[in-house]
Amino acid sequence: MAARFLNNVRVRCKEGCEDNLIVVTKQWVNPEGMLDAYWAKTGEPSYCFVGLWESEEKLVAAKPQMIEHLNAVRDFFEELSPELGVTDPVSGPVIIHTP
């Protein structure tokens, strides 16, 4: 099944916390409905998470599990801005997929 919805979260890791972030994140178990999960290193020390989902409903249902994971890694992140806090999340329906 192709992903119908995705979420993306941008973060910036505190100095010295990148290895801890990777260890904790490797232990993450994808919630029901998450088809795939990717972490990309987008700079020093920036990262981007992308989750591919069966549907928006599955993403909404998994929010408690995702918040629990964020709480486990929150101390590893720098504040992006006073408005955003430590994450810059966005989500939406997939409109184009080119395999």
N, C-alpha and C. Protein backbone atom coordinates (compact mmCIF):
# COMPACT_ATOMS: atom_id res chain seq x y z
N MET A 1 0.84 -1.18 0.00
CA MET A 1 0.00 0.00 0.00
C MET A 1 0.89 1.24 0.00
N ALA A 2 0.61 2.15 -0.87
CA ALA A 2 1.37 3.40 -0.93
C ALA A 2 0.90 4.34 0.18
N ALA A 3 1.82 5.15 0.67
CA ALA A 3 1.48 6.12 1.72
C ALA A 3 0.49 7.14 1.18
N ARG A 4 -0.48 7.47 2.01
CA ARG A 4 -1.47 8.46 1.64
C ARG A 4 -1.30 9.77 2.41
N PHE A 5 -0.49 9.72 3.47
CA PHE A 5 -0.33 10.88 4.35
C PHE A 5 1.10 10.84 4.88
N LEU A 6 1.67 12.00 5.17
CA LEU A 6 3.01 12.01 5.77
C LEU A 6 3.12 13.10 6.80
N ASN A 7 4.07 12.88 7.71
CA ASN A 7 4.42 13.93 8.66
C ASN A 7 5.92 14.14 8.60
N ASN A 8 6.31 15.36 8.91
CA ASN A 8 7.70 15.77 8.84
C ASN A 8 7.99 16.62 10.06
N VAL A 9 9.12 16.36 10.72
CA VAL A 9 9.50 17.13 11.91
C VAL A 9 10.97 17.50 11.78
N ARG A 10 11.23 18.80 11.88
CA ARG A 10 12.60 19.31 11.84
C ARG A 10 13.05 19.59 13.27
N VAL A 11 14.29 19.18 13.60
CA VAL A 11 14.86 19.41 14.93
C VAL A 11 16.33 19.78 14.79
N ARG A 12 16.87 20.36 15.85
CA ARG A 12 18.30 20.66 15.93
C ARG A 12 18.80 20.08 17.25
N CYS A 13 19.79 19.22 17.15
CA CYS A 13 20.31 18.49 18.30
C CYS A 13 21.30 19.35 19.08
N LYS A 14 21.25 19.23 20.41
CA LYS A 14 22.24 19.90 21.25
C LYS A 14 23.60 19.23 21.06
N GLU A 15 24.65 20.02 21.24
CA GLU A 15 26.00 19.49 21.12
C GLU A 15 26.20 18.34 22.10
N GLY A 16 26.74 17.25 21.60
CA GLY A 16 27.02 16.09 22.44
C GLY A 16 25.85 15.14 22.62
N CYS A 17 24.70 15.44 22.03
CA CYS A 17 23.51 14.60 22.22
C CYS A 17 23.14 13.76 21.00
N GLU A 18 23.86 13.92 19.91
CA GLU A 18 23.47 13.22 18.67
C GLU A 18 23.52 11.70 18.82
N ASP A 19 24.56 11.17 19.45
CA ASP A 19 24.64 9.72 19.63
C ASP A 19 23.48 9.20 20.48
N ASN A 20 23.13 9.94 21.53
CA ASN A 20 21.99 9.54 22.37
C ASN A 20 20.69 9.55 21.58
N LEU A 21 20.51 10.57 20.74
CA LEU A 21 19.31 10.64 19.91
C LEU A 21 19.21 9.40 19.02
N ILE A 22 20.30 9.03 18.41
CA ILE A 22 20.30 7.88 17.50
C ILE A 22 20.00 6.59 18.25
N VAL A 23 20.59 6.41 19.42
CA VAL A 23 20.34 5.19 20.21
C VAL A 23 18.87 5.08 20.58
N VAL A 24 18.30 6.15 21.12
CA VAL A 24 16.90 6.12 21.56
C VAL A 24 15.97 5.94 20.36
N THR A 25 16.28 6.61 19.26
CA THR A 25 15.42 6.55 18.08
C THR A 25 15.45 5.17 17.43
N LYS A 26 16.58 4.48 17.48
CA LYS A 26 16.64 3.12 16.92
C LYS A 26 15.73 2.16 17.68
N GLN A 27 15.41 2.48 18.93
CA GLN A 27 14.53 1.63 19.73
C GLN A 27 13.04 1.88 19.45
N TRP A 28 12.77 2.95 18.72
CA TRP A 28 11.40 3.33 18.38
C TRP A 28 10.72 2.22 17.60
N VAL A 29 9.48 1.94 17.93
CA VAL A 29 8.66 0.97 17.20
C VAL A 29 7.59 1.77 16.47
N ASN A 30 7.52 1.60 15.16
CA ASN A 30 6.54 2.35 14.38
C ASN A 30 5.13 2.06 14.88
N PRO A 31 4.31 3.09 15.05
CA PRO A 31 2.92 2.88 15.46
C PRO A 31 2.13 2.19 14.35
N GLU A 32 0.99 1.64 14.72
CA GLU A 32 0.10 1.04 13.73
C GLU A 32 -0.28 2.09 12.69
N GLY A 33 -0.15 1.73 11.44
CA GLY A 33 -0.51 2.65 10.35
C GLY A 33 0.66 3.42 9.78
N MET A 34 1.81 3.42 10.49
CA MET A 34 3.00 4.07 9.95
C MET A 34 3.69 3.05 9.05
N LEU A 35 3.74 3.35 7.78
CA LEU A 35 4.30 2.43 6.80
C LEU A 35 5.82 2.45 6.78
N ASP A 36 6.40 3.61 7.04
CA ASP A 36 7.84 3.76 7.00
C ASP A 36 8.24 5.01 7.75
N ALA A 37 9.48 5.03 8.22
CA ALA A 37 10.00 6.17 8.97
C ALA A 37 11.44 6.43 8.54
N TYR A 38 11.77 7.69 8.35
CA TYR A 38 13.11 8.07 7.93
C TYR A 38 13.62 9.21 8.79
N TRP A 39 14.90 9.15 9.14
CA TRP A 39 15.61 10.27 9.75
C TRP A 39 16.71 10.67 8.77
N ALA A 40 16.84 11.95 8.51
CA ALA A 40 17.91 12.46 7.66
C ALA A 40 18.70 13.49 8.44
N LYS A 41 20.01 13.45 8.29
CA LYS A 41 20.87 14.48 8.87
C LYS A 41 20.95 15.59 7.83
N THR A 42 20.40 16.73 8.15
CA THR A 42 20.27 17.82 7.18
C THR A 42 21.30 18.92 7.38
N GLY A 43 22.15 18.77 8.36
CA GLY A 43 23.18 19.77 8.64
C GLY A 43 23.79 19.50 9.99
N GLU A 44 24.65 20.36 10.40
CA GLU A 44 25.28 20.25 11.73
C GLU A 44 24.60 21.22 12.67
N PRO A 45 23.88 20.79 13.59
CA PRO A 45 23.46 19.45 14.00
C PRO A 45 21.96 19.22 13.75
N SER A 46 21.52 19.46 12.54
CA SER A 46 20.09 19.42 12.22
C SER A 46 19.65 18.08 11.65
N TYR A 47 18.41 17.72 11.98
CA TYR A 47 17.82 16.46 11.52
C TYR A 47 16.38 16.72 11.06
N CYS A 48 15.90 15.80 10.24
CA CYS A 48 14.53 15.85 9.76
C CYS A 48 13.97 14.44 9.82
N PHE A 49 12.80 14.30 10.40
CA PHE A 49 12.09 13.02 10.44
C PHE A 49 10.94 13.07 9.45
N VAL A 50 10.74 11.99 8.70
CA VAL A 50 9.60 11.85 7.81
C VAL A 50 8.93 10.51 8.10
N GLY A 51 7.65 10.56 8.38
CA GLY A 51 6.86 9.35 8.58
C GLY A 51 5.83 9.22 7.47
N LEU A 52 5.72 8.03 6.91
CA LEU A 52 4.74 7.75 5.86
C LEU A 52 3.60 6.94 6.47
N TRP A 53 2.38 7.34 6.19
CA TRP A 53 1.21 6.81 6.86
C TRP A 53 0.17 6.28 5.89
N GLU A 54 -0.61 5.29 6.35
CA GLU A 54 -1.73 4.77 5.58
C GLU A 54 -2.79 5.85 5.39
N SER A 55 -2.99 6.68 6.44
CA SER A 55 -4.06 7.67 6.40
C SER A 55 -3.82 8.72 7.48
N GLU A 56 -4.53 9.83 7.35
CA GLU A 56 -4.48 10.87 8.38
C GLU A 56 -5.04 10.33 9.69
N GLU A 57 -6.05 9.49 9.62
CA GLU A 57 -6.66 8.93 10.82
C GLU A 57 -5.65 8.11 11.62
N LYS A 58 -4.81 7.33 10.92
CA LYS A 58 -3.78 6.53 11.61
C LYS A 58 -2.75 7.44 12.28
N LEU A 59 -2.39 8.53 11.62
CA LEU A 59 -1.46 9.49 12.23
C LEU A 59 -2.07 10.10 13.48
N VAL A 60 -3.30 10.54 13.40
CA VAL A 60 -3.97 11.14 14.55
C VAL A 60 -4.05 10.14 15.70
N ALA A 61 -4.37 8.88 15.40
CA ALA A 61 -4.47 7.86 16.45
C ALA A 61 -3.12 7.60 17.11
N ALA A 62 -2.03 7.80 16.37
CA ALA A 62 -0.68 7.51 16.89
C ALA A 62 -0.06 8.70 17.63
N LYS A 63 -0.74 9.84 17.67
CA LYS A 63 -0.14 11.02 18.32
C LYS A 63 0.30 10.77 19.76
N PRO A 64 -0.46 10.07 20.59
CA PRO A 64 0.03 9.83 21.96
C PRO A 64 1.37 9.07 21.98
N GLN A 65 1.53 8.07 21.12
CA GLN A 65 2.78 7.32 21.06
C GLN A 65 3.92 8.21 20.54
N MET A 66 3.64 9.08 19.58
CA MET A 66 4.68 9.98 19.05
C MET A 66 5.07 11.02 20.09
N ILE A 67 4.10 11.52 20.84
CA ILE A 67 4.41 12.48 21.91
C ILE A 67 5.25 11.82 23.00
N GLU A 68 4.93 10.57 23.31
CA GLU A 68 5.72 9.82 24.30
C GLU A 68 7.17 9.70 23.84
N HIS A 69 7.36 9.41 22.56
CA HIS A 69 8.74 9.33 22.02
C HIS A 69 9.41 10.70 22.06
N LEU A 70 8.70 11.74 21.67
CA LEU A 70 9.28 13.09 21.71
C LEU A 70 9.70 13.44 23.13
N ASN A 71 8.89 13.09 24.10
CA ASN A 71 9.26 13.38 25.49
C ASN A 71 10.53 12.64 25.92
N ALA A 72 10.79 11.48 25.31
CA ALA A 72 12.00 10.71 25.63
C ALA A 72 13.25 11.34 25.02
N VAL A 73 13.09 12.15 23.97
CA VAL A 73 14.26 12.75 23.29
C VAL A 73 14.28 14.27 23.36
N ARG A 74 13.26 14.87 23.92
CA ARG A 74 13.12 16.33 23.95
C ARG A 74 14.36 17.04 24.51
N ASP A 75 14.97 16.49 25.55
CA ASP A 75 16.14 17.13 26.17
C ASP A 75 17.37 17.11 25.27
N PHE A 76 17.32 16.34 24.18
CA PHE A 76 18.45 16.31 23.24
C PHE A 76 18.39 17.46 22.23
N PHE A 77 17.27 18.19 22.19
CA PHE A 77 17.05 19.20 21.16
C PHE A 77 17.23 20.62 21.67
N GLU A 78 17.71 21.47 20.77
CA GLU A 78 17.78 22.91 21.02
C GLU A 78 16.44 23.54 20.63
N GLU A 79 16.12 24.64 21.25
CA GLU A 79 14.94 25.39 20.86
C GLU A 79 15.17 25.99 19.47
N LEU A 80 14.24 25.77 18.57
CA LEU A 80 14.32 26.35 17.23
C LEU A 80 13.93 27.82 17.26
N SER A 81 12.88 28.13 18.02
CA SER A 81 12.42 29.51 18.22
C SER A 81 11.42 29.49 19.37
N PRO A 82 11.16 30.66 19.98
CA PRO A 82 10.16 30.69 21.05
C PRO A 82 8.77 30.24 20.57
N GLU A 83 8.45 30.53 19.30
CA GLU A 83 7.14 30.15 18.76
C GLU A 83 7.04 28.64 18.53
N LEU A 84 8.11 28.02 18.03
CA LEU A 84 8.09 26.61 17.69
C LEU A 84 8.44 25.69 18.84
N GLY A 85 9.33 26.11 19.71
CA GLY A 85 9.88 25.22 20.71
C GLY A 85 11.00 24.41 20.09
N VAL A 86 11.06 23.10 20.38
CA VAL A 86 12.18 22.28 19.91
C VAL A 86 11.87 21.51 18.62
N THR A 87 10.62 21.60 18.12
CA THR A 87 10.29 20.90 16.88
C THR A 87 9.55 21.83 15.92
N ASP A 88 9.69 21.52 14.64
CA ASP A 88 8.95 22.23 13.59
C ASP A 88 8.18 21.16 12.80
N PRO A 89 6.96 20.79 13.29
CA PRO A 89 6.22 19.71 12.66
C PRO A 89 5.26 20.21 11.58
N VAL A 90 5.11 19.41 10.54
CA VAL A 90 4.09 19.63 9.51
C VAL A 90 3.59 18.26 9.07
N SER A 91 2.40 18.23 8.52
CA SER A 91 1.85 16.98 7.98
C SER A 91 0.84 17.31 6.91
N GLY A 92 0.56 16.32 6.07
CA GLY A 92 -0.44 16.53 5.03
C GLY A 92 -0.57 15.32 4.14
N PRO A 93 -1.57 15.37 3.26
CA PRO A 93 -1.81 14.27 2.34
C PRO A 93 -0.73 14.23 1.25
N VAL A 94 -0.39 13.04 0.82
CA VAL A 94 0.53 12.87 -0.30
C VAL A 94 -0.22 13.26 -1.56
N ILE A 95 0.34 14.19 -2.33
CA ILE A 95 -0.32 14.59 -3.57
C ILE A 95 0.40 14.08 -4.81
N ILE A 96 1.71 13.77 -4.67
CA ILE A 96 2.47 13.21 -5.77
C ILE A 96 3.41 12.15 -5.19
N HIS A 97 3.45 11.00 -5.82
CA HIS A 97 4.38 9.94 -5.43
C HIS A 97 5.02 9.42 -6.71
N THR A 98 6.34 9.53 -6.78
CA THR A 98 7.06 9.04 -7.94
C THR A 98 8.05 7.97 -7.48
N PRO A 99 7.70 6.70 -7.66
CA PRO A 99 8.60 5.63 -7.20
C PRO A 99 9.85 5.52 -8.07
